[in-house]
Amino acid sequence: GTLLGQQITPLDRVGIYVPGGKAAYPSS
């Protein structure tokens, strides 16, 4: 009767770094 498992949760907040200026990387 012992319950075992795994709970999946998302991260609360993330940051993404994107090169800018003359470089254009919308795909990134």
PDB file of all heavy atoms in Angstrom:
ATOM      1  N   GLY A   1       0.778  -1.225   0.000  1.00  0.00           N
ATOM      2  CA  GLY A   1       0.000   0.000   0.000  1.00  0.00           C
ATOM      3  C   GLY A   1       0.811   1.277   0.000  1.00  0.00           C
ATOM      4  O   GLY A   1       0.254   2.381   0.072  1.00  0.00           O
ATOM      5  N   THR A   2       2.123   1.177  -0.059  1.00  0.00           N
ATOM      6  CA  THR A   2       2.966   2.370  -0.124  1.00  0.00           C
ATOM      7  C   THR A   2       2.857   2.993  -1.513  1.00  0.00           C
ATOM      8  O   THR A   2       2.967   2.300  -2.522  1.00  0.00           O
ATOM      9  CB  THR A   2       4.438   2.013   0.179  1.00  0.00           C
ATOM     10  OG1 THR A   2       4.527   1.617   1.554  1.00  0.00           O
ATOM     11  CG2 THR A   2       5.358   3.197  -0.068  1.00  0.00           C
ATOM     12  N   LEU A   3       2.635   4.298  -1.538  1.00  0.00           N
ATOM     13  CA  LEU A   3       2.514   5.021  -2.808  1.00  0.00           C
ATOM     14  C   LEU A   3       3.847   5.669  -3.151  1.00  0.00           C
ATOM     15  O   LEU A   3       4.462   6.351  -2.317  1.00  0.00           O
ATOM     16  CB  LEU A   3       1.426   6.093  -2.699  1.00  0.00           C
ATOM     17  CG  LEU A   3       1.166   6.934  -3.951  1.00  0.00           C
ATOM     18  CD1 LEU A   3      -0.323   7.260  -4.084  1.00  0.00           C
ATOM     19  CD2 LEU A   3       1.967   8.251  -3.928  1.00  0.00           C
ATOM     20  N   LEU A   4       4.264   5.443  -4.371  1.00  0.00           N
ATOM     21  CA  LEU A   4       5.500   6.046  -4.878  1.00  0.00           C
ATOM     22  C   LEU A   4       5.213   6.687  -6.230  1.00  0.00           C
ATOM     23  O   LEU A   4       4.315   6.258  -6.946  1.00  0.00           O
ATOM     24  CB  LEU A   4       6.600   4.988  -5.034  1.00  0.00           C
ATOM     25  CG  LEU A   4       6.990   4.218  -3.780  1.00  0.00           C
ATOM     26  CD1 LEU A   4       7.916   3.067  -4.129  1.00  0.00           C
ATOM     27  CD2 LEU A   4       7.650   5.146  -2.763  1.00  0.00           C
ATOM     28  N   GLY A   5       5.966   7.709  -6.560  1.00  0.00           N
ATOM     29  CA  GLY A   5       5.729   8.333  -7.853  1.00  0.00           C
ATOM     30  C   GLY A   5       6.609   9.528  -8.106  1.00  0.00           C
ATOM     31  O   GLY A   5       7.633   9.736  -7.444  1.00  0.00           O
ATOM     32  N   GLN A   6       6.184  10.306  -9.061  1.00  0.00           N
ATOM     33  CA  GLN A   6       6.957  11.471  -9.490  1.00  0.00           C
ATOM     34  C   GLN A   6       5.981  12.579  -9.877  1.00  0.00           C
ATOM     35  O   GLN A   6       5.043  12.336 -10.640  1.00  0.00           O
ATOM     36  CB  GLN A   6       7.828  11.091 -10.690  1.00  0.00           C
ATOM     37  CG  GLN A   6       8.797  12.144 -11.145  1.00  0.00           C
ATOM     38  CD  GLN A   6       9.782  11.583 -12.146  1.00  0.00           C
ATOM     39  OE1 GLN A   6      10.889  11.181 -11.804  1.00  0.00           O
ATOM     40  NE2 GLN A   6       9.380  11.544 -13.399  1.00  0.00           N
ATOM     41  N   GLN A   7       6.188  13.755  -9.318  1.00  0.00           N
ATOM     42  CA  GLN A   7       5.342  14.904  -9.639  1.00  0.00           C
ATOM     43  C   GLN A   7       6.108  15.852 -10.539  1.00  0.00           C
ATOM     44  O   GLN A   7       7.228  16.245 -10.214  1.00  0.00           O
ATOM     45  CB  GLN A   7       4.921  15.609  -8.351  1.00  0.00           C
ATOM     46  CG  GLN A   7       4.024  16.825  -8.576  1.00  0.00           C
ATOM     47  CD  GLN A   7       3.429  17.322  -7.271  1.00  0.00           C
ATOM     48  OE1 GLN A   7       2.512  16.698  -6.727  1.00  0.00           O
ATOM     49  NE2 GLN A   7       3.940  18.422  -6.764  1.00  0.00           N
ATOM     50  N   ILE A   8       5.509  16.205 -11.663  1.00  0.00           N
ATOM     51  CA  ILE A   8       6.142  17.079 -12.644  1.00  0.00           C
ATOM     52  C   ILE A   8       5.554  18.480 -12.516  1.00  0.00           C
ATOM     53  O   ILE A   8       4.336  18.655 -12.533  1.00  0.00           O
ATOM     54  CB  ILE A   8       5.918  16.560 -14.082  1.00  0.00           C
ATOM     55  CG1 ILE A   8       6.383  15.095 -14.209  1.00  0.00           C
ATOM     56  CG2 ILE A   8       6.628  17.457 -15.094  1.00  0.00           C
ATOM     57  CD1 ILE A   8       7.849  14.883 -13.974  1.00  0.00           C
ATOM     58  N   THR A   9       6.426  19.466 -12.396  1.00  0.00           N
ATOM     59  CA  THR A   9       5.978  20.859 -12.332  1.00  0.00           C
ATOM     60  C   THR A   9       6.868  21.718 -13.232  1.00  0.00           C
ATOM     61  O   THR A   9       8.049  21.419 -13.415  1.00  0.00           O
ATOM     62  CB  THR A   9       6.051  21.406 -10.896  1.00  0.00           C
ATOM     63  OG1 THR A   9       7.384  21.209 -10.382  1.00  0.00           O
ATOM     64  CG2 THR A   9       5.065  20.706  -9.985  1.00  0.00           C
ATOM     65  N   PRO A  10       6.308  22.780 -13.809  1.00  0.00           N
ATOM     66  CA  PRO A  10       7.130  23.669 -14.640  1.00  0.00           C
ATOM     67  C   PRO A  10       7.953  24.617 -13.783  1.00  0.00           C
ATOM     68  O   PRO A  10       7.643  24.852 -12.603  1.00  0.00           O
ATOM     69  CB  PRO A  10       6.081  24.451 -15.446  1.00  0.00           C
ATOM     70  CG  PRO A  10       4.887  24.497 -14.546  1.00  0.00           C
ATOM     71  CD  PRO A  10       4.892  23.185 -13.799  1.00  0.00           C
ATOM     72  N   LEU A  11       9.005  25.159 -14.353  1.00  0.00           N
ATOM     73  CA  LEU A  11       9.718  26.241 -13.702  1.00  0.00           C
ATOM     74  C   LEU A  11       8.786  27.448 -13.621  1.00  0.00           C
ATOM     75  O   LEU A  11       7.877  27.611 -14.437  1.00  0.00           O
ATOM     76  CB  LEU A  11      10.978  26.608 -14.490  1.00  0.00           C
ATOM     77  CG  LEU A  11      11.983  25.475 -14.783  1.00  0.00           C
ATOM     78  CD1 LEU A  11      13.219  26.051 -15.460  1.00  0.00           C
ATOM     79  CD2 LEU A  11      12.356  24.728 -13.528  1.00  0.00           C
ATOM     80  N   ASP A  12       9.000  28.301 -12.612  1.00  0.00           N
ATOM     81  CA  ASP A  12       8.145  29.481 -12.462  1.00  0.00           C
ATOM     82  C   ASP A  12       8.465  30.551 -13.500  1.00  0.00           C
ATOM     83  O   ASP A  12       7.577  31.145 -14.097  1.00  0.00           O
ATOM     84  CB  ASP A  12       8.308  30.088 -11.064  1.00  0.00           C
ATOM     85  CG  ASP A  12       7.691  29.226  -9.983  1.00  0.00           C
ATOM     86  OD1 ASP A  12       6.800  28.411 -10.303  1.00  0.00           O
ATOM     87  OD2 ASP A  12       8.095  29.360  -8.806  1.00  0.00           O
ATOM     88  N   ARG A  13       9.761  30.793 -13.698  1.00  0.00           N
ATOM     89  CA  ARG A  13      10.159  31.922 -14.550  1.00  0.00           C
ATOM     90  C   ARG A  13      11.487  31.605 -15.208  1.00  0.00           C
ATOM     91  O   ARG A  13      12.415  31.117 -14.556  1.00  0.00           O
ATOM     92  CB  ARG A  13      10.295  33.188 -13.701  1.00  0.00           C
ATOM     93  CG  ARG A  13      10.656  34.444 -14.482  1.00  0.00           C
ATOM     94  CD  ARG A  13      10.958  35.610 -13.539  1.00  0.00           C
ATOM     95  NE  ARG A  13       9.772  36.014 -12.789  1.00  0.00           N
ATOM     96  CZ  ARG A  13       9.719  36.077 -11.459  1.00  0.00           C
ATOM     97  NH1 ARG A  13      10.777  35.746 -10.737  1.00  0.00           N
ATOM     98  NH2 ARG A  13       8.616  36.465 -10.846  1.00  0.00           N
ATOM     99  N   VAL A  14      11.618  31.865 -16.511  1.00  0.00           N
ATOM    100  CA  VAL A  14      12.871  31.627 -17.214  1.00  0.00           C
ATOM    101  C   VAL A  14      13.286  32.875 -17.979  1.00  0.00           C
ATOM    102  O   VAL A  14      12.454  33.735 -18.303  1.00  0.00           O
ATOM    103  CB  VAL A  14      12.773  30.428 -18.189  1.00  0.00           C
ATOM    104  CG1 VAL A  14      12.408  29.160 -17.443  1.00  0.00           C
ATOM    105  CG2 VAL A  14      11.789  30.704 -19.305  1.00  0.00           C
ATOM    106  N   GLY A  15      14.572  32.959 -18.243  1.00  0.00           N
ATOM    107  CA  GLY A  15      15.106  34.050 -19.052  1.00  0.00           C
ATOM    108  C   GLY A  15      15.732  33.493 -20.311  1.00  0.00           C
ATOM    109  O   GLY A  15      16.428  32.469 -20.265  1.00  0.00           O
ATOM    110  N   ILE A  16      15.487  34.147 -21.439  1.00  0.00           N
ATOM    111  CA  ILE A  16      16.128  33.718 -22.681  1.00  0.00           C
ATOM    112  C   ILE A  16      16.971  34.864 -23.226  1.00  0.00           C
ATOM    113  O   ILE A  16      16.536  36.018 -23.260  1.00  0.00           O
ATOM    114  CB  ILE A  16      15.113  33.224 -23.735  1.00  0.00           C
ATOM    115  CG1 ILE A  16      14.143  34.320 -24.159  1.00  0.00           C
ATOM    116  CG2 ILE A  16      14.339  32.035 -23.201  1.00  0.00           C
ATOM    117  CD1 ILE A  16      13.245  33.907 -25.316  1.00  0.00           C
ATOM    118  N   TYR A  17      18.194  34.531 -23.606  1.00  0.00           N
ATOM    119  CA  TYR A  17      19.121  35.509 -24.169  1.00  0.00           C
ATOM    120  C   TYR A  17      19.079  35.378 -25.684  1.00  0.00           C
ATOM    121  O   TYR A  17      19.201  34.276 -26.227  1.00  0.00           O
ATOM    122  CB  TYR A  17      20.546  35.264 -23.668  1.00  0.00           C
ATOM    123  CG  TYR A  17      21.486  36.379 -24.055  1.00  0.00           C
ATOM    124  CD1 TYR A  17      21.810  37.380 -23.154  1.00  0.00           C
ATOM    125  CD2 TYR A  17      22.025  36.459 -25.339  1.00  0.00           C
ATOM    126  CE1 TYR A  17      22.649  38.424 -23.507  1.00  0.00           C
ATOM    127  CE2 TYR A  17      22.854  37.496 -25.712  1.00  0.00           C
ATOM    128  CZ  TYR A  17      23.165  38.474 -24.791  1.00  0.00           C
ATOM    129  OH  TYR A  17      23.991  39.517 -25.162  1.00  0.00           O
ATOM    130  N   VAL A  18      18.922  36.525 -26.348  1.00  0.00           N
ATOM    131  CA  VAL A  18      18.851  36.544 -27.812  1.00  0.00           C
ATOM    132  C   VAL A  18      19.833  37.582 -28.340  1.00  0.00           C
ATOM    133  O   VAL A  18      19.817  38.732 -27.892  1.00  0.00           O
ATOM    134  CB  VAL A  18      17.428  36.897 -28.291  1.00  0.00           C
ATOM    135  CG1 VAL A  18      17.377  36.959 -29.812  1.00  0.00           C
ATOM    136  CG2 VAL A  18      16.415  35.888 -27.759  1.00  0.00           C
ATOM    137  N   PRO A  19      20.725  37.214 -29.258  1.00  0.00           N
ATOM    138  CA  PRO A  19      21.620  38.214 -29.858  1.00  0.00           C
ATOM    139  C   PRO A  19      20.809  39.307 -30.544  1.00  0.00           C
ATOM    140  O   PRO A  19      19.710  39.052 -31.055  1.00  0.00           O
ATOM    141  CB  PRO A  19      22.426  37.397 -30.878  1.00  0.00           C
ATOM    142  CG  PRO A  19      22.328  35.986 -30.394  1.00  0.00           C
ATOM    143  CD  PRO A  19      20.969  35.868 -29.776  1.00  0.00           C
ATOM    144  N   GLY A  20      21.345  40.524 -30.564  1.00  0.00           N
ATOM    145  CA  GLY A  20      20.592  41.638 -31.152  1.00  0.00           C
ATOM    146  C   GLY A  20      21.428  42.459 -32.104  1.00  0.00           C
ATOM    147  O   GLY A  20      22.471  42.020 -32.592  1.00  0.00           O
ATOM    148  N   GLY A  21      20.990  43.677 -32.341  1.00  0.00           N
ATOM    149  CA  GLY A  21      21.693  44.555 -33.273  1.00  0.00           C
ATOM    150  C   GLY A  21      21.488  44.112 -34.701  1.00  0.00           C
ATOM    151  O   GLY A  21      20.381  43.764 -35.110  1.00  0.00           O
ATOM    152  N   LYS A  22      22.563  44.104 -35.487  1.00  0.00           N
ATOM    153  CA  LYS A  22      22.457  43.713 -36.889  1.00  0.00           C
ATOM    154  C   LYS A  22      22.084  42.248 -37.049  1.00  0.00           C
ATOM    155  O   LYS A  22      21.485  41.859 -38.049  1.00  0.00           O
ATOM    156  CB  LYS A  22      23.780  44.008 -37.604  1.00  0.00           C
ATOM    157  CG  LYS A  22      24.100  45.498 -37.733  1.00  0.00           C
ATOM    158  CD  LYS A  22      25.404  45.717 -38.481  1.00  0.00           C
ATOM    159  CE  LYS A  22      25.708  47.201 -38.615  1.00  0.00           C
ATOM    160  NZ  LYS A  22      26.980  47.448 -39.324  1.00  0.00           N
ATOM    161  N   ALA A  23      22.458  41.421 -36.062  1.00  0.00           N
ATOM    162  CA  ALA A  23      22.108  40.010 -36.117  1.00  0.00           C
ATOM    163  C   ALA A  23      20.610  39.855 -35.883  1.00  0.00           C
ATOM    164  O   ALA A  23      20.040  40.508 -35.017  1.00  0.00           O
ATOM    165  CB  ALA A  23      22.884  39.232 -35.056  1.00  0.00           C
ATOM    166  N   ALA A  24      19.971  39.022 -36.676  1.00  0.00           N
ATOM    167  CA  ALA A  24      18.545  38.772 -36.521  1.00  0.00           C
ATOM    168  C   ALA A  24      18.320  37.278 -36.400  1.00  0.00           C
ATOM    169  O   ALA A  24      18.476  36.547 -37.376  1.00  0.00           O
ATOM    170  CB  ALA A  24      17.771  39.337 -37.714  1.00  0.00           C
ATOM    171  N   TYR A  25      17.973  36.817 -35.205  1.00  0.00           N
ATOM    172  CA  TYR A  25      17.780  35.393 -34.991  1.00  0.00           C
ATOM    173  C   TYR A  25      16.395  35.126 -34.399  1.00  0.00           C
ATOM    174  O   TYR A  25      16.273  34.681 -33.252  1.00  0.00           O
ATOM    175  CB  TYR A  25      18.867  34.831 -34.072  1.00  0.00           C
ATOM    176  CG  TYR A  25      20.250  34.906 -34.656  1.00  0.00           C
ATOM    177  CD1 TYR A  25      21.223  35.715 -34.083  1.00  0.00           C
ATOM    178  CD2 TYR A  25      20.584  34.172 -35.792  1.00  0.00           C
ATOM    179  CE1 TYR A  25      22.499  35.793 -34.628  1.00  0.00           C
ATOM    180  CE2 TYR A  25      21.864  34.248 -36.345  1.00  0.00           C
ATOM    181  CZ  TYR A  25      22.811  35.054 -35.749  1.00  0.00           C
ATOM    182  OH  TYR A  25      24.068  35.134 -36.284  1.00  0.00           O
ATOM    183  N   PRO A  26      15.342  35.393 -35.175  1.00  0.00           N
ATOM    184  CA  PRO A  26      14.001  35.083 -34.671  1.00  0.00           C
ATOM    185  C   PRO A  26      13.830  33.601 -34.370  1.00  0.00           C
ATOM    186  O   PRO A  26      13.073  33.222 -33.477  1.00  0.00           O
ATOM    187  CB  PRO A  26      13.084  35.538 -35.806  1.00  0.00           C
ATOM    188  CG  PRO A  26      13.942  35.515 -37.037  1.00  0.00           C
ATOM    189  CD  PRO A  26      15.307  35.926 -36.553  1.00  0.00           C
ATOM    190  N   SER A  27      14.536  32.756 -35.111  1.00  0.00           N
ATOM    191  CA  SER A  27      14.437  31.315 -34.866  1.00  0.00           C
ATOM    192  C   SER A  27      14.923  30.971 -33.460  1.00  0.00           C
ATOM    193  O   SER A  27      14.382  30.071 -32.806  1.00  0.00           O
ATOM    194  CB  SER A  27      15.237  30.536 -35.911  1.00  0.00           C
ATOM    195  OG  SER A  27      16.601  30.925 -35.887  1.00  0.00           O
ATOM    196  N   SER A  28      15.941  31.686 -32.985  1.00  0.00           N
ATOM    197  CA  SER A  28      16.455  31.439 -31.643  1.00  0.00           C
ATOM    198  C   SER A  28      15.419  31.786 -30.586  1.00  0.00           C
ATOM    199  O   SER A  28      15.292  31.100 -29.564  1.00  0.00           O
ATOM    200  CB  SER A  28      17.735  32.256 -31.414  1.00  0.00           C
ATOM    201  OG  SER A  28      18.291  31.973 -30.151  1.00  0.00           O
TER     202      SER A  28
END
